[in-house]
């Protein structure tokens, strides 16, 4: 019995010492001008880099809503490339260049998260890269399904 307990303790310690498995998910490879991964998959959790809402030509759409929609669609492409979906998203961080767009952001956001939306933070920033008005980061966990609770 002592040997079994000792073996269990040693196996637990050995497993804890193993490095986290990490895989880069990229729709396009990193470059000197863009030295980042679109996402990192580590131990079943997907960490998505921020996405702006520029169109395929790198231009900003005419409306904030289209820019927000583009940013969310771009994150959807990364999620899909990693084998995830919007239903796997557990946390969203939104950076807005102007909080006056908050209500318009929410209108677009609910198009992508209709039921049990993930936890979310929204902050106003002084500026975004390439004159963007919105940038979206996400964290997703495969196979996690939110159980609605009657919390009061």
Protein backbone atom coordinates (compact mmCIF):
# COMPACT_ATOMS: atom_id res chain seq x y z
CA UNK A 1 0.00 0.00 0.00
CA UNK A 2 2.87 2.39 0.83
CA UNK A 3 4.46 1.65 -2.53
CA UNK A 4 1.21 2.35 -4.35
CA UNK A 5 0.82 5.70 -2.58
CA UNK A 6 4.43 6.59 -3.29
CA UNK A 7 4.00 5.67 -6.95
CA UNK A 8 0.84 7.79 -7.16
CA UNK A 9 2.64 10.78 -5.62
CA UNK A 10 5.60 10.38 -7.99
CA UNK A 11 3.33 10.10 -11.04
CA UNK A 12 1.41 13.19 -9.96
CA UNK A 13 4.61 15.17 -9.50
CA UNK A 14 5.95 13.97 -12.85
CA UNK A 15 2.75 14.98 -14.63
CA UNK A 16 2.84 18.42 -13.01
CA UNK A 17 6.41 18.89 -14.19
CA UNK A 18 5.56 18.25 -17.84
CA UNK A 19 5.62 21.39 -19.96
CA UNK A 20 2.30 22.68 -21.24
CA UNK A 21 1.55 21.59 -24.76
CA UNK A 22 1.33 24.66 -26.94
CA UNK A 23 0.40 24.99 -30.61
CA UNK A 24 0.27 28.14 -32.71
CA UNK A 25 -2.81 28.58 -34.90
CA UNK A 26 -2.19 30.92 -37.83
CA UNK A 27 -4.30 31.82 -40.85
CA UNK A 28 -1.15 33.45 -42.21
CA UNK A 29 2.37 33.02 -40.88
CA UNK A 30 3.85 35.65 -38.57
CA UNK A 31 6.02 38.25 -40.28
CA UNK A 32 8.42 40.92 -39.12
CA UNK A 33 5.60 43.46 -39.46
CA UNK A 34 3.15 41.12 -37.70
CA UNK A 35 5.17 39.18 -35.10
CA UNK A 36 2.31 37.28 -33.46
CA UNK A 37 0.17 34.18 -33.76
CA UNK A 38 -3.54 34.41 -34.50
CA UNK A 39 -4.06 32.10 -31.54
CA UNK A 40 -2.26 29.77 -29.18
CA UNK A 41 -3.79 26.46 -28.15
CA UNK A 42 -2.47 25.38 -24.75
CA UNK A 43 -3.88 22.44 -22.81
CA UNK A 44 -7.32 22.64 -24.42
CA UNK A 45 -7.66 26.42 -24.08
CA UNK A 46 -7.46 28.67 -27.13
CA UNK A 47 -6.11 32.20 -26.61
CA UNK A 48 -6.97 34.41 -29.59
CA UNK A 49 -4.99 37.55 -30.40
CA UNK A 50 -6.90 40.75 -30.92
CA UNK A 51 -8.59 41.19 -34.29
CA UNK A 52 -9.47 44.47 -35.92
CA UNK A 53 -12.35 44.98 -38.32
CA UNK A 54 -10.57 45.88 -41.54
CA UNK A 55 -11.91 44.27 -44.72
CA UNK A 56 -9.98 41.82 -46.94
CA UNK A 57 -8.24 44.77 -48.65
CA UNK A 58 -7.04 46.13 -45.31
CA UNK A 59 -9.47 49.04 -45.41
CA UNK A 60 -11.86 50.19 -42.72
CA UNK A 61 -15.55 49.80 -43.55
CA UNK A 62 -17.74 52.89 -43.67
CA UNK A 63 -19.71 52.01 -40.53
CA UNK A 64 -18.70 51.02 -37.02
CA UNK A 65 -21.18 48.12 -37.14
CA UNK A 66 -19.49 46.65 -40.24
CA UNK A 67 -16.08 47.06 -38.62
CA UNK A 68 -17.29 45.26 -35.48
CA UNK A 69 -18.89 42.51 -37.57
CA UNK A 70 -15.64 42.06 -39.54
CA UNK A 71 -13.63 41.74 -36.32
CA UNK A 72 -15.97 39.06 -34.99
CA UNK A 73 -16.02 37.22 -38.34
CA UNK A 74 -12.20 37.27 -38.36
CA UNK A 75 -12.18 35.70 -34.91
CA UNK A 76 -14.67 33.13 -36.19
CA UNK A 77 -12.18 32.12 -38.90
CA UNK A 78 -9.46 31.59 -36.29
CA UNK A 79 -11.84 29.63 -34.07
CA UNK A 80 -12.77 27.41 -37.02
CA UNK A 81 -9.12 26.86 -38.01
CA UNK A 82 -8.48 25.58 -34.49
CA UNK A 83 -11.56 23.34 -34.47
CA UNK A 84 -13.53 25.63 -32.15
CA UNK A 85 -16.69 27.70 -32.56
CA UNK A 86 -18.32 30.73 -30.97
CA UNK A 87 -20.12 28.39 -28.56
CA UNK A 88 -16.69 27.47 -27.08
CA UNK A 89 -15.83 31.09 -26.24
CA UNK A 90 -15.74 31.74 -22.49
CA UNK A 91 -14.22 35.27 -22.36
CA UNK A 92 -14.20 38.25 -24.70
CA UNK A 93 -12.23 41.46 -24.24
CA UNK A 94 -13.29 44.40 -26.39
CA UNK A 95 -11.25 47.54 -26.98
CA UNK A 96 -13.22 50.52 -28.30
CA UNK A 97 -11.63 53.77 -29.42
CA UNK A 98 -14.83 55.54 -28.31
CA UNK A 99 -17.41 54.30 -25.82
CA UNK A 100 -20.12 56.14 -27.77
CA UNK A 101 -20.05 53.00 -29.98
CA UNK A 102 -20.91 50.72 -27.03
CA UNK A 103 -24.60 50.29 -27.93
CA UNK A 104 -23.78 49.65 -31.59
CA UNK A 105 -21.15 47.10 -30.47
CA UNK A 106 -23.78 45.28 -28.42
CA UNK A 107 -26.16 45.13 -31.41
CA UNK A 108 -23.52 43.36 -33.49
CA UNK A 109 -22.23 41.22 -30.61
CA UNK A 110 -25.59 39.52 -30.04
CA UNK A 111 -25.57 38.36 -33.67
CA UNK A 112 -22.67 36.07 -32.73
CA UNK A 113 -23.56 35.22 -29.12
CA UNK A 114 -27.32 34.67 -29.05
CA UNK A 115 -27.54 32.34 -26.03
CA UNK A 116 -25.47 32.31 -22.83
CA UNK A 117 -22.93 34.91 -23.99
CA UNK A 118 -19.41 34.61 -22.60
CA UNK A 119 -17.96 36.77 -19.86
CA UNK A 120 -16.85 40.08 -21.33
CA UNK A 121 -14.88 43.21 -20.58
CA UNK A 122 -15.17 46.37 -22.65
CA UNK A 123 -12.71 49.22 -22.32
CA UNK A 124 -12.08 52.47 -24.11
CA UNK A 125 -8.53 52.96 -25.37
CA UNK A 126 -6.67 56.02 -26.63
CA UNK A 127 -6.17 54.47 -30.05
CA UNK A 128 -5.97 51.26 -32.03
CA UNK A 129 -3.61 50.07 -34.74
CA UNK A 130 -4.37 51.25 -38.28
CA UNK A 131 -7.04 53.68 -37.02
CA UNK A 132 -9.40 50.90 -35.99
CA UNK A 133 -12.41 51.64 -33.80
CA UNK A 134 -12.71 48.13 -32.31
CA UNK A 135 -10.42 45.23 -31.46
CA UNK A 136 -11.62 41.90 -30.07
CA UNK A 137 -9.70 39.27 -28.07
CA UNK A 138 -11.15 35.91 -27.05
CA UNK A 139 -10.47 32.86 -24.94
CA UNK A 140 -12.19 29.59 -25.85
CA UNK A 141 -12.29 26.21 -24.16
CA UNK A 142 -13.31 23.15 -26.15
CA UNK A 143 -16.23 21.16 -24.88
CA UNK A 144 -17.36 23.58 -22.18
CA UNK A 145 -21.07 24.15 -22.22
CA UNK A 146 -22.59 26.78 -20.00
CA UNK A 147 -25.27 25.49 -17.68
CA UNK A 148 -27.65 28.36 -17.00
CA UNK A 149 -28.07 28.95 -13.30
CA UNK A 150 -30.88 30.66 -11.49
CA UNK A 151 -28.58 32.97 -9.59
CA UNK A 152 -30.19 35.91 -7.87
